[in-house]
PDB file of N, CA and C in Angstrom:
ATOM      1  N   MET A   1      16.958 -17.177   8.405  1.00  0.00           N
ATOM      2  CA  MET A   1      15.421 -17.520   8.439  1.00  0.00           C
ATOM      3  C   MET A   1      15.042 -18.701   7.303  1.00  0.00           C
ATOM      4  N   GLY A   2      14.030 -19.728   7.502  1.00  0.00           N
ATOM      5  CA  GLY A   2      13.683 -20.501   6.654  1.00  0.00           C
ATOM      6  C   GLY A   2      12.643 -19.898   5.712  1.00  0.00           C
ATOM      7  N   GLY A   3      12.300 -20.447   4.735  1.00  0.00           N
ATOM      8  CA  GLY A   3      11.300 -20.066   3.793  1.00  0.00           C
ATOM      9  C   GLY A   3       9.913 -20.026   4.294  1.00  0.00           C
ATOM     10  N   GLN A   4       9.534 -21.258   5.125  1.00  0.00           N
ATOM     11  CA  GLN A   4       8.344 -20.995   5.744  1.00  0.00           C
ATOM     12  C   GLN A   4       8.104 -19.938   6.816  1.00  0.00           C
ATOM     13  N   ASP A   5       9.309 -19.610   7.578  1.00  0.00           N
ATOM     14  CA  ASP A   5       9.083 -18.464   8.513  1.00  0.00           C
ATOM     15  C   ASP A   5       8.984 -17.236   7.915  1.00  0.00           C
ATOM     16  N   ARG A   6       9.785 -17.160   6.617  1.00  0.00           N
ATOM     17  CA  ARG A   6       9.420 -15.771   6.153  1.00  0.00           C
ATOM     18  C   ARG A   6       8.053 -15.893   5.468  1.00  0.00           C
ATOM     19  N   GLU A   7       7.739 -16.700   4.822  1.00  0.00           N
ATOM     20  CA  GLU A   7       6.332 -16.661   4.473  1.00  0.00           C
ATOM     21  C   GLU A   7       5.159 -16.390   5.651  1.00  0.00           C
ATOM     22  N   GLN A   8       5.431 -16.898   6.655  1.00  0.00           N
ATOM     23  CA  GLN A   8       4.670 -16.615   8.071  1.00  0.00           C
ATOM     24  C   GLN A   8       4.720 -15.165   8.180  1.00  0.00           C
ATOM     25  N   ASP A   9       5.864 -14.698   8.183  1.00  0.00           N
ATOM     26  CA  ASP A   9       6.249 -13.244   8.625  1.00  0.00           C
ATOM     27  C   ASP A   9       5.453 -12.293   7.609  1.00  0.00           C
ATOM     28  N   GLU A  10       5.510 -12.825   6.374  1.00  0.00           N
ATOM     29  CA  GLU A  10       4.998 -11.823   5.237  1.00  0.00           C
ATOM     30  C   GLU A  10       3.460 -11.788   5.378  1.00  0.00           C
ATOM     31  N   VAL A  11       2.779 -13.150   5.724  1.00  0.00           N
ATOM     32  CA  VAL A  11       1.359 -13.095   6.049  1.00  0.00           C
ATOM     33  C   VAL A  11       1.068 -12.225   7.270  1.00  0.00           C
ATOM     34  N   LYS A  12       1.727 -12.299   8.156  1.00  0.00           N
ATOM     35  CA  LYS A  12       1.548 -11.525   9.409  1.00  0.00           C
ATOM     36  C   LYS A  12       1.559  -9.929   9.063  1.00  0.00           C
ATOM     37  N   VAL A  13       2.728  -9.593   8.376  1.00  0.00           N
ATOM     38  CA  VAL A  13       2.870  -8.259   7.818  1.00  0.00           C
ATOM     39  C   VAL A  13       1.447  -7.765   7.170  1.00  0.00           C
ATOM     40  N   ILE A  14       1.173  -8.642   5.983  1.00  0.00           N
ATOM     41  CA  ILE A  14       0.070  -8.352   5.221  1.00  0.00           C
ATOM     42  C   ILE A  14      -1.403  -8.182   6.124  1.00  0.00           C
ATOM     43  N   GLU A  15      -1.662  -9.206   7.065  1.00  0.00           N
ATOM     44  CA  GLU A  15      -2.646  -9.103   7.766  1.00  0.00           C
ATOM     45  C   GLU A  15      -2.763  -8.041   8.544  1.00  0.00           C
ATOM     46  N   SER A  16      -1.649  -7.236   9.056  1.00  0.00           N
ATOM     47  CA  SER A  16      -1.417  -6.239   9.907  1.00  0.00           C
ATOM     48  C   SER A  16      -1.891  -4.679   9.248  1.00  0.00           C
ATOM     49  N   VAL A  17      -2.095  -4.930   8.012  1.00  0.00           N
ATOM     50  CA  VAL A  17      -2.213  -3.732   7.317  1.00  0.00           C
ATOM     51  C   VAL A  17      -3.691  -3.291   7.034  1.00  0.00           C
ATOM     52  N   GLU A  18      -4.176  -2.332   7.248  1.00  0.00           N
ATOM     53  CA  GLU A  18      -5.664  -1.943   7.137  1.00  0.00           C
ATOM     54  C   GLU A  18      -5.921  -2.065   5.518  1.00  0.00           C
ATOM     55  N   LYS A  19      -7.105  -2.554   5.369  1.00  0.00           N
ATOM     56  CA  LYS A  19      -7.570  -2.535   3.894  1.00  0.00           C
ATOM     57  C   LYS A  19      -8.502  -1.758   3.502  1.00  0.00           C
ATOM     58  N   ARG A  20      -8.993  -0.775   4.366  1.00  0.00           N
ATOM     59  CA  ARG A  20     -10.015   0.114   4.161  1.00  0.00           C
ATOM     60  C   ARG A  20      -9.327   1.341   3.819  1.00  0.00           C
ATOM     61  N   LEU A  21     -10.426   2.107   3.741  1.00  0.00           N
ATOM     62  CA  LEU A  21      -9.905   3.833   3.574  1.00  0.00           C
ATOM     63  C   LEU A  21     -10.026   4.579   4.712  1.00  0.00           C
ATOM     64  N   PHE A  22      -9.218   5.304   5.006  1.00  0.00           N
ATOM     65  CA  PHE A  22      -9.159   6.156   6.509  1.00  0.00           C
ATOM     66  C   PHE A  22      -9.925   7.684   5.885  1.00  0.00           C
ATOM     67  N   ILE A  23     -11.174   7.743   6.386  1.00  0.00           N
ATOM     68  CA  ILE A  23     -11.979   9.030   5.907  1.00  0.00           C
ATOM     69  C   ILE A  23     -12.523   9.632   7.103  1.00  0.00           C
ATOM     70  N   GLY A  24     -12.310  10.924   7.280  1.00  0.00           N
ATOM     71  CA  GLY A  24     -13.008  11.398   8.367  1.00  0.00           C
ATOM     72  C   GLY A  24     -12.748  10.829   9.867  1.00  0.00           C
ATOM     73  N   GLY A  25     -11.549  10.499  10.255  1.00  0.00           N
ATOM     74  CA  GLY A  25     -11.014   9.564  11.283  1.00  0.00           C
ATOM     75  C   GLY A  25     -11.501   8.336  11.416  1.00  0.00           C
ATOM     76  N   GLU A  26     -11.968   7.737  10.579  1.00  0.00           N
ATOM     77  CA  GLU A  26     -12.375   6.391  10.673  1.00  0.00           C
ATOM     78  C   GLU A  26     -11.846   5.501   9.588  1.00  0.00           C
ATOM     79  N   TRP A  27     -11.872   4.218   9.739  1.00  0.00           N
ATOM     80  CA  TRP A  27     -11.580   3.382   8.425  1.00  0.00           C
ATOM     81  C   TRP A  27     -13.094   2.923   8.110  1.00  0.00           C
ATOM     82  N   VAL A  28     -13.058   2.959   6.768  1.00  0.00           N
ATOM     83  CA  VAL A  28     -14.640   2.649   6.212  1.00  0.00           C
ATOM     84  C   VAL A  28     -14.075   1.844   4.972  1.00  0.00           C
ATOM     85  N   ASP A  29     -15.237   1.249   4.499  1.00  0.00           N
ATOM     86  CA  ASP A  29     -15.219   0.507   3.038  1.00  0.00           C
ATOM     87  C   ASP A  29     -15.295   1.537   2.116  1.00  0.00           C
ATOM     88  N   ALA A  30     -15.086   1.133   0.745  1.00  0.00           N
ATOM     89  CA  ALA A  30     -15.333   1.962  -0.117  1.00  0.00           C
ATOM     90  C   ALA A  30     -16.668   2.277  -0.465  1.00  0.00           C
ATOM     91  N   ALA A  31     -17.328   3.474  -0.700  1.00  0.00           N
ATOM     92  CA  ALA A  31     -18.528   3.695  -0.900  1.00  0.00           C
ATOM     93  C   ALA A  31     -19.646   2.697  -1.523  1.00  0.00           C
ATOM     94  N   ASP A  32     -19.016   2.040  -2.784  1.00  0.00           N
ATOM     95  CA  ASP A  32     -19.590   0.978  -3.522  1.00  0.00           C
ATOM     96  C   ASP A  32     -19.320  -0.380  -2.862  1.00  0.00           C
ATOM     97  N   GLY A  33     -18.454  -0.603  -1.765  1.00  0.00           N
ATOM     98  CA  GLY A  33     -17.793  -1.762  -1.336  1.00  0.00           C
ATOM     99  C   GLY A  33     -16.849  -2.519  -2.361  1.00  0.00           C
ATOM    100  N   GLY A  34     -16.460  -1.849  -3.457  1.00  0.00           N
ATOM    101  CA  GLY A  34     -15.425  -2.302  -4.112  1.00  0.00           C
ATOM    102  C   GLY A  34     -14.049  -2.537  -3.613  1.00  0.00           C
ATOM    103  N   THR A  35     -13.502  -3.574  -4.170  1.00  0.00           N
ATOM    104  CA  THR A  35     -11.893  -3.783  -3.640  1.00  0.00           C
ATOM    105  C   THR A  35     -11.244  -4.208  -4.964  1.00  0.00           C
ATOM    106  N   PHE A  36      -9.963  -4.152  -4.805  1.00  0.00           N
ATOM    107  CA  PHE A  36      -8.976  -4.594  -5.770  1.00  0.00           C
ATOM    108  C   PHE A  36      -7.890  -5.454  -5.198  1.00  0.00           C
ATOM    109  N   GLU A  37      -7.329  -6.405  -6.156  1.00  0.00           N
ATOM    110  CA  GLU A  37      -6.320  -7.025  -5.477  1.00  0.00           C
ATOM    111  C   GLU A  37      -4.880  -6.577  -5.550  1.00  0.00           C
ATOM    112  N   VAL A  38      -4.111  -6.347  -4.628  1.00  0.00           N
ATOM    113  CA  VAL A  38      -2.518  -6.066  -4.627  1.00  0.00           C
ATOM    114  C   VAL A  38      -1.918  -7.209  -5.112  1.00  0.00           C
ATOM    115  N   ILE A  39      -1.110  -6.961  -6.138  1.00  0.00           N
ATOM    116  CA  ILE A  39      -0.304  -8.079  -6.843  1.00  0.00           C
ATOM    117  C   ILE A  39       1.213  -8.099  -6.210  1.00  0.00           C
ATOM    118  N   ASP A  40       1.527  -9.122  -6.002  1.00  0.00           N
ATOM    119  CA  ASP A  40       3.013  -9.421  -5.560  1.00  0.00           C
ATOM    120  C   ASP A  40       3.922  -9.311  -6.859  1.00  0.00           C
ATOM    121  N   PRO A  41       4.664  -8.264  -7.113  1.00  0.00           N
ATOM    122  CA  PRO A  41       5.576  -8.275  -8.363  1.00  0.00           C
ATOM    123  C   PRO A  41       6.572  -9.409  -8.401  1.00  0.00           C
ATOM    124  N   ALA A  42       6.736  -9.640  -7.395  1.00  0.00           N
ATOM    125  CA  ALA A  42       7.866 -10.821  -7.476  1.00  0.00           C
ATOM    126  C   ALA A  42       7.253 -12.108  -7.928  1.00  0.00           C
ATOM    127  N   THR A  43       6.050 -12.365  -7.603  1.00  0.00           N
ATOM    128  CA  THR A  43       5.351 -13.819  -7.939  1.00  0.00           C
ATOM    129  C   THR A  43       4.345 -13.594  -8.878  1.00  0.00           C
ATOM    130  N   GLY A  44       3.655 -12.556  -8.751  1.00  0.00           N
ATOM    131  CA  GLY A  44       2.364 -12.428  -9.594  1.00  0.00           C
ATOM    132  C   GLY A  44       1.429 -12.887  -9.091  1.00  0.00           C
ATOM    133  N   GLY A  45       1.379 -13.389  -7.749  1.00  0.00           N
ATOM    134  CA  GLY A  45       0.266 -13.758  -6.984  1.00  0.00           C
ATOM    135  C   GLY A  45      -0.266 -12.412  -6.076  1.00  0.00           C
ATOM    136  N   ALA A  46      -1.607 -12.868  -5.860  1.00  0.00           N
ATOM    137  CA  ALA A  46      -2.365 -11.802  -5.200  1.00  0.00           C
ATOM    138  C   ALA A  46      -2.026 -11.892  -3.595  1.00  0.00           C
ATOM    139  N   LEU A  47      -1.597 -10.697  -3.019  1.00  0.00           N
ATOM    140  CA  LEU A  47      -1.352 -10.607  -1.759  1.00  0.00           C
ATOM    141  C   LEU A  47      -2.595 -10.298  -0.724  1.00  0.00           C
ATOM    142  N   CYS A  48      -3.472  -9.507  -1.255  1.00  0.00           N
ATOM    143  CA  CYS A  48      -4.690  -9.190  -0.502  1.00  0.00           C
ATOM    144  C   CYS A  48      -5.653  -8.307  -1.163  1.00  0.00           C
ATOM    145  N   ALA A  49      -6.940  -8.106  -0.834  1.00  0.00           N
ATOM    146  CA  ALA A  49      -7.857  -7.217  -1.371  1.00  0.00           C
ATOM    147  C   ALA A  49      -7.924  -5.874  -0.901  1.00  0.00           C
ATOM    148  N   VAL A  50      -7.826  -4.919  -1.363  1.00  0.00           N
ATOM    149  CA  VAL A  50      -7.975  -3.501  -0.493  1.00  0.00           C
ATOM    150  C   VAL A  50      -9.196  -2.832  -0.974  1.00  0.00           C
ATOM    151  N   ALA A  51      -9.767  -1.666  -0.221  1.00  0.00           N
ATOM    152  CA  ALA A  51     -10.931  -0.831  -0.686  1.00  0.00           C
ATOM    153  C   ALA A  51     -10.466  -0.180  -2.064  1.00  0.00           C
ATOM    154  N   ASP A  52     -11.335  -0.188  -2.872  1.00  0.00           N
ATOM    155  CA  ASP A  52     -11.084   0.551  -4.159  1.00  0.00           C
ATOM    156  C   ASP A  52     -11.957   1.819  -4.166  1.00  0.00           C
ATOM    157  N   ALA A  53     -11.249   2.972  -3.747  1.00  0.00           N
ATOM    158  CA  ALA A  53     -12.029   4.265  -3.590  1.00  0.00           C
ATOM    159  C   ALA A  53     -12.609   4.797  -4.795  1.00  0.00           C
ATOM    160  N   THR A  54     -13.931   5.471  -4.534  1.00  0.00           N
ATOM    161  CA  THR A  54     -14.579   5.856  -5.768  1.00  0.00           C
ATOM    162  C   THR A  54     -14.517   7.343  -5.717  1.00  0.00           C
ATOM    163  N   PRO A  55     -15.120   8.051  -6.723  1.00  0.00           N
ATOM    164  CA  PRO A  55     -15.154   9.580  -6.658  1.00  0.00           C
ATOM    165  C   PRO A  55     -15.716   9.896  -5.427  1.00  0.00           C
ATOM    166  N   ALA A  56     -16.690   9.292  -5.101  1.00  0.00           N
ATOM    167  CA  ALA A  56     -17.643   9.641  -3.869  1.00  0.00           C
ATOM    168  C   ALA A  56     -16.742   9.700  -2.573  1.00  0.00           C
ATOM    169  N   ASP A  57     -15.798   8.565  -2.515  1.00  0.00           N
ATOM    170  CA  ASP A  57     -14.825   8.641  -1.440  1.00  0.00           C
ATOM    171  C   ASP A  57     -14.114   9.546  -1.339  1.00  0.00           C
ATOM    172  N   GLY A  58     -13.438   9.985  -2.558  1.00  0.00           N
ATOM    173  CA  GLY A  58     -12.608  11.039  -2.628  1.00  0.00           C
ATOM    174  C   GLY A  58     -13.309  12.397  -2.200  1.00  0.00           C
ATOM    175  N   LYS A  59     -14.404  12.723  -2.719  1.00  0.00           N
ATOM    176  CA  LYS A  59     -15.235  13.678  -1.963  1.00  0.00           C
ATOM    177  C   LYS A  59     -15.571  13.774  -0.655  1.00  0.00           C
ATOM    178  N   ALA A  60     -15.967  12.543  -0.119  1.00  0.00           N
ATOM    179  CA  ALA A  60     -16.124  12.371   1.499  1.00  0.00           C
ATOM    180  C   ALA A  60     -14.596  12.595   1.949  1.00  0.00           C
ATOM    181  N   ALA A  61     -13.557  12.507   1.547  1.00  0.00           N
ATOM    182  CA  ALA A  61     -12.229  12.694   2.002  1.00  0.00           C
ATOM    183  C   ALA A  61     -11.983  14.136   2.168  1.00  0.00           C
ATOM    184  N   LEU A  62     -12.230  14.773   0.925  1.00  0.00           N
ATOM    185  CA  LEU A  62     -11.971  16.318   0.783  1.00  0.00           C
ATOM    186  C   LEU A  62     -12.814  17.069   1.801  1.00  0.00           C
ATOM    187  N   GLU A  63     -13.960  16.766   1.822  1.00  0.00           N
ATOM    188  CA  GLU A  63     -15.056  17.477   2.711  1.00  0.00           C
ATOM    189  C   GLU A  63     -14.648  17.246   4.233  1.00  0.00           C
ATOM    190  N   SER A  64     -13.942  16.085   4.591  1.00  0.00           N
ATOM    191  CA  SER A  64     -13.630  16.096   5.919  1.00  0.00           C
ATOM    192  C   SER A  64     -12.342  16.625   6.173  1.00  0.00           C
ATOM    193  N   ALA A  65     -11.304  16.655   5.146  1.00  0.00           N
ATOM    194  CA  ALA A  65     -10.110  17.579   5.312  1.00  0.00           C
ATOM    195  C   ALA A  65     -10.542  19.133   5.470  1.00  0.00           C
ATOM    196  N   VAL A  66     -11.648  19.647   4.677  1.00  0.00           N
ATOM    197  CA  VAL A  66     -11.798  20.800   4.491  1.00  0.00           C
ATOM    198  C   VAL A  66     -12.316  21.100   6.013  1.00  0.00           C
ATOM    199  N   ALA A  67     -13.373  20.608   6.485  1.00  0.00           N
ATOM    200  CA  ALA A  67     -13.900  20.529   7.864  1.00  0.00           C
ATOM    201  C   ALA A  67     -13.001  20.184   9.152  1.00  0.00           C
ATOM    202  N   ALA A  68     -11.731  19.907   8.754  1.00  0.00           N
ATOM    203  CA  ALA A  68     -10.773  19.530   9.947  1.00  0.00           C
ATOM    204  C   ALA A  68      -9.950  20.893   9.791  1.00  0.00           C
ATOM    205  N   GLN A  69      -9.812  21.478   8.738  1.00  0.00           N
ATOM    206  CA  GLN A  69      -8.730  22.159   8.457  1.00  0.00           C
ATOM    207  C   GLN A  69      -8.721  23.533   9.624  1.00  0.00           C
ATOM    208  N   SER A  70      -9.532  24.200   9.728  1.00  0.00           N
ATOM    209  CA  SER A  70      -9.865  25.282  10.715  1.00  0.00           C
ATOM    210  C   SER A  70      -9.188  24.697  12.207  1.00  0.00           C
ATOM    211  N   ALA A  71      -9.563  23.599  12.657  1.00  0.00           N
ATOM    212  CA  ALA A  71      -9.096  23.135  13.929  1.00  0.00           C
ATOM    213  C   ALA A  71      -7.612  22.812  13.816  1.00  0.00           C
ATOM    214  N   PHE A  72      -7.174  22.221  12.630  1.00  0.00           N
ATOM    215  CA  PHE A  72      -5.615  22.137  12.848  1.00  0.00           C
ATOM    216  C   PHE A  72      -4.856  23.304  12.637  1.00  0.00           C
ATOM    217  N   ALA A  73      -5.459  24.115  12.091  1.00  0.00           N
ATOM    218  CA  ALA A  73      -4.744  25.355  11.821  1.00  0.00           C
ATOM    219  C   ALA A  73      -4.739  26.305  13.423  1.00  0.00           C
ATOM    220  N   ALA A  74      -5.713  26.112  14.240  1.00  0.00           N
ATOM    221  CA  ALA A  74      -5.683  26.582  15.318  1.00  0.00           C
ATOM    222  C   ALA A  74      -4.787  25.950  16.283  1.00  0.00           C
ATOM    223  N   THR A  75      -4.268  24.643  15.979  1.00  0.00           N
ATOM    224  CA  THR A  75      -3.515  23.863  16.816  1.00  0.00           C
ATOM    225  C   THR A  75      -2.113  24.607  16.863  1.00  0.00           C
ATOM    226  N   SER A  76      -1.434  24.684  17.940  1.00  0.00           N
ATOM    227  CA  SER A  76      -0.109  25.483  18.001  1.00  0.00           C
ATOM    228  C   SER A  76       0.885  24.646  17.168  1.00  0.00           C
ATOM    229  N   PRO A  77       1.819  25.436  16.700  1.00  0.00           N
ATOM    230  CA  PRO A  77       2.929  24.827  16.209  1.00  0.00           C
ATOM    231  C   PRO A  77       3.640  23.424  16.506  1.00  0.00           C
ATOM    232  N   ARG A  78       3.866  23.645  17.876  1.00  0.00           N
ATOM    233  CA  ARG A  78       4.354  22.810  18.471  1.00  0.00           C
ATOM    234  C   ARG A  78       3.638  21.130  18.343  1.00  0.00           C
ATOM    235  N   ASN A  79       2.392  21.446  18.866  1.00  0.00           N
ATOM    236  CA  ASN A  79       1.305  20.311  18.715  1.00  0.00           C
ATOM    237  C   ASN A  79       1.344  19.685  17.348  1.00  0.00           C
ATOM    238  N   ARG A  80       1.171  20.588  16.159  1.00  0.00           N
ATOM    239  CA  ARG A  80       1.103  20.256  15.065  1.00  0.00           C
ATOM    240  C   ARG A  80       2.365  19.352  14.617  1.00  0.00           C
ATOM    241  N   ALA A  81       3.548  19.944  15.086  1.00  0.00           N
ATOM    242  CA  ALA A  81       4.817  19.137  14.786  1.00  0.00           C
ATOM    243  C   ALA A  81       4.935  17.714  15.548  1.00  0.00           C
ATOM    244  N   ASP A  82       4.397  17.592  16.928  1.00  0.00           N
ATOM    245  CA  ASP A  82       4.254  16.488  17.525  1.00  0.00           C
ATOM    246  C   ASP A  82       3.430  15.427  16.745  1.00  0.00           C
ATOM    247  N   MET A  83       2.142  15.745  16.134  1.00  0.00           N
ATOM    248  CA  MET A  83       1.503  15.081  15.276  1.00  0.00           C
ATOM    249  C   MET A  83       2.098  14.468  14.093  1.00  0.00           C
ATOM    250  N   LEU A  84       2.810  15.414  13.444  1.00  0.00           N
ATOM    251  CA  LEU A  84       3.512  14.790  12.117  1.00  0.00           C
ATOM    252  C   LEU A  84       4.519  13.903  12.572  1.00  0.00           C
ATOM    253  N   ASN A  85       5.437  14.282  13.646  1.00  0.00           N
ATOM    254  CA  ASN A  85       6.439  13.527  14.059  1.00  0.00           C
ATOM    255  C   ASN A  85       6.148  12.163  14.561  1.00  0.00           C
ATOM    256  N   GLY A  86       4.866  12.010  15.174  1.00  0.00           N
ATOM    257  CA  GLY A  86       4.082  10.774  15.514  1.00  0.00           C
ATOM    258  C   GLY A  86       3.622  10.004  14.280  1.00  0.00           C
ATOM    259  N   ALA A  87       3.227  10.539  13.236  1.00  0.00           N
ATOM    260  CA  ALA A  87       2.937   9.878  11.901  1.00  0.00           C
ATOM    261  C   ALA A  87       4.177   9.571  11.247  1.00  0.00           C
ATOM    262  N   VAL A  88       5.297  10.241  11.536  1.00  0.00           N
ATOM    263  CA  VAL A  88       6.771   9.700  10.907  1.00  0.00           C
ATOM    264  C   VAL A  88       7.065   8.209  11.691  1.00  0.00           C
ATOM    265  N   ARG A  89       6.791   8.255  12.842  1.00  0.00           N
ATOM    266  CA  ARG A  89       7.371   7.024  13.726  1.00  0.00           C
ATOM    267  C   ARG A  89       6.423   6.059  13.414  1.00  0.00           C
ATOM    268  N   ILE A  90       5.126   6.153  13.303  1.00  0.00           N
ATOM    269  CA  ILE A  90       4.350   5.309  12.536  1.00  0.00           C
ATOM    270  C   ILE A  90       4.739   4.335  11.442  1.00  0.00           C
ATOM    271  N   ASP A  91       5.073   5.557  10.493  1.00  0.00           N
ATOM    272  CA  ASP A  91       5.566   5.108   9.175  1.00  0.00           C
ATOM    273  C   ASP A  91       6.768   4.140   9.090  1.00  0.00           C
ATOM    274  N   ALA A  92       7.536   4.691  10.228  1.00  0.00           N
ATOM    275  CA  ALA A  92       8.889   3.803  10.243  1.00  0.00           C
ATOM    276  C   ALA A  92       8.726   2.498  10.823  1.00  0.00           C
ATOM    277  N   ARG A  93       7.678   2.358  11.839  1.00  0.00           N
ATOM    278  CA  ARG A  93       7.361   1.130  12.294  1.00  0.00           C
ATOM    279  C   ARG A  93       6.816   0.258  11.218  1.00  0.00           C
ATOM    280  N   ALA A  94       6.050   0.892  10.174  1.00  0.00           N
ATOM    281  CA  ALA A  94       5.533   0.114   9.220  1.00  0.00           C
ATOM    282  C   ALA A  94       6.488  -0.492   8.275  1.00  0.00           C
ATOM    283  N   ASP A  95       7.370   0.253   8.042  1.00  0.00           N
ATOM    284  CA  ASP A  95       8.660   0.075   7.142  1.00  0.00           C
ATOM    285  C   ASP A  95       9.568  -0.943   7.457  1.00  0.00           C
ATOM    286  N   ARG A  96       9.619  -1.166   9.053  1.00  0.00           N
ATOM    287  CA  ARG A  96      10.490  -2.064   9.720  1.00  0.00           C
ATOM    288  C   ARG A  96       9.569  -3.349   9.473  1.00  0.00           C
ATOM    289  N   ARG A  97       8.192  -3.207   9.584  1.00  0.00           N
ATOM    290  CA  ARG A  97       7.492  -4.492   9.600  1.00  0.00           C
ATOM    291  C   ARG A  97       7.438  -5.200   8.372  1.00  0.00           C
ATOM    292  N   SER A  98       7.466  -4.194   7.382  1.00  0.00           N
ATOM    293  CA  SER A  98       7.205  -4.576   6.057  1.00  0.00           C
ATOM    294  C   SER A  98       8.400  -5.029   5.203  1.00  0.00           C
ATOM    295  N   GLY A  99       9.687  -5.098   6.046  1.00  0.00           N
ATOM    296  CA  GLY A  99      10.914  -5.486   5.542  1.00  0.00           C
ATOM    297  C   GLY A  99      10.838  -6.890   5.244  1.00  0.00           C
ATOM    298  N   ALA A 100      10.063  -7.726   5.795  1.00  0.00           N
ATOM    299  CA  ALA A 100       9.761  -9.159   5.243  1.00  0.00           C
ATOM    300  C   ALA A 100       9.096  -9.179   4.081  1.00  0.00           C
ATOM    301  N   VAL A 101       8.392  -8.405   3.686  1.00  0.00           N
ATOM    302  CA  VAL A 101       7.816  -8.343   2.336  1.00  0.00           C
ATOM    303  C   VAL A 101       8.651  -7.724   1.452  1.00  0.00           C
ATOM    304  N   ASP A 102       9.381  -6.713   1.656  1.00  0.00           N
ATOM    305  CA  ASP A 102      10.026  -5.727   0.583  1.00  0.00           C
ATOM    306  C   ASP A 102      11.281  -6.765   0.263  1.00  0.00           C
ATOM    307  N   ASP A 103      11.769  -7.387   0.975  1.00  0.00           N
ATOM    308  CA  ASP A 103      13.006  -8.197   0.139  1.00  0.00           C
ATOM    309  C   ASP A 103      12.494  -9.537  -0.508  1.00  0.00           C
ATOM    310  N   THR A 104      11.536  -9.850  -0.790  1.00  0.00           N
ATOM    311  CA  THR A 104      11.084 -11.183  -1.469  1.00  0.00           C
ATOM    312  C   THR A 104      11.360 -11.012  -2.880  1.00  0.00           C
ATOM    313  N   GLY A 105      11.746  -9.731  -3.593  1.00  0.00           N
ATOM    314  CA  GLY A 105      12.122  -9.711  -4.893  1.00  0.00           C
ATOM    315  C   GLY A 105      13.214  -9.385  -5.205  1.00  0.00           C
ATOM    316  N   ASP A 106      14.309  -9.446  -4.000  1.00  0.00           N
ATOM    317  CA  ASP A 106      15.793  -9.564  -4.491  1.00  0.00           C
ATOM    318  C   ASP A 106      16.202 -10.555  -5.163  1.00  0.00           C
ATOM    319  N   GLY A 107      16.942 -10.204  -6.175  1.00  0.00           N
ATOM    320  CA  GLY A 107      17.630 -11.370  -7.026  1.00  0.00           C
ATOM    321  C   GLY A 107      19.042 -11.572  -6.594  1.00  0.00           C
TER     322      GLY A 107
END
């Protein structure tokens, strides 16, 4: 794959990743709207800006998790396993997509 193709693939991967926080089943901006840059360690350049969670965001996430816990606990073990296996599949797909980015620092 040529350098330009690789660069285009990297941009696609970065653009496909959510930059906000996942709280209460929704993607949301940080409470204060803050962001920070993610730096590519191979180049030192900025890849993208992502939400910079605040203590208020952490509290909201914790409150959401506490609120959801009883319903999750009432879910059958089989359904919980299916949910967790689904998360693993999503993570594996993300790993495959990010391969274009992961190998940029190989020497």
